[in-house]
């Protein structure tokens, strides 16, 4: 148990180093060599591939060997449906800006589509797969908070890339509440699939808003409402989770 506890913490440290140092090196190469933005995105995609491999290894090492991608989620899908609706609104609102992109930007956006999938897979398998399942035996609520805290702390590595302390601080807060929401959803639905798909689409949609260079009031309200919903639904679901410890109840059922 002690060895697994140490490996769990080590897994997050290594994951953070791959993400932070890899992202920093990619940014330095982009700035110093003058490569195209599409090439920079390909380097970023390669880093995400490494993170997927590492997260799957960690899951096999410390996660419970249940199915991560059960198809049936039952009535609990209602808890994530509002997020999909808000995401669709933001995506639709920004679709018109895609028509104004040049070929290079479209190529970069296409690469980021796959990057967003790899980001979602690695982060969900690591934090809602390996970490959440490993800590679940100590209690559902404790597992949710522990997984969310590690997910938030992991994003400290982004300061190596952005260098913006204020932006990183805001991201730590928002990712903590998203971690609470995502972990509670996974326990409720006993599958990573719905939250993983949402995670990938969210990252991709946010990249589209960056390319559009201007956010409409509708998009701003949509993204803000999604973050507010993370907090509300997370605490509602936390209130429904049993206090007693139940082993093997996350995805193995």
Foldseek 3Di string as FASTA:
>chain_A
DVVLVVVLVVLLVVLLCLLLVQLLVLLVCCVPVVDALLVSLVSLLVSLVVLLVSLVVLLVVAFDPADQADPFQPPLVVLCVLLVVLLVQLLVVLPVLVVVDDPSVVSSLVSVLSSLLSVLNSLCSSLLTRQLQNCLQVDNLVSLQVSLQSQLVSLVSCCSVVVDPVVNVVSSVLSSLLSLLQNLSQQNRLHNPVVSVSSSSVSSSVVSCVSSVDGDPSNVVSVVVSSVSSNVSSVVSSVVGDGDGDHPRRNRD
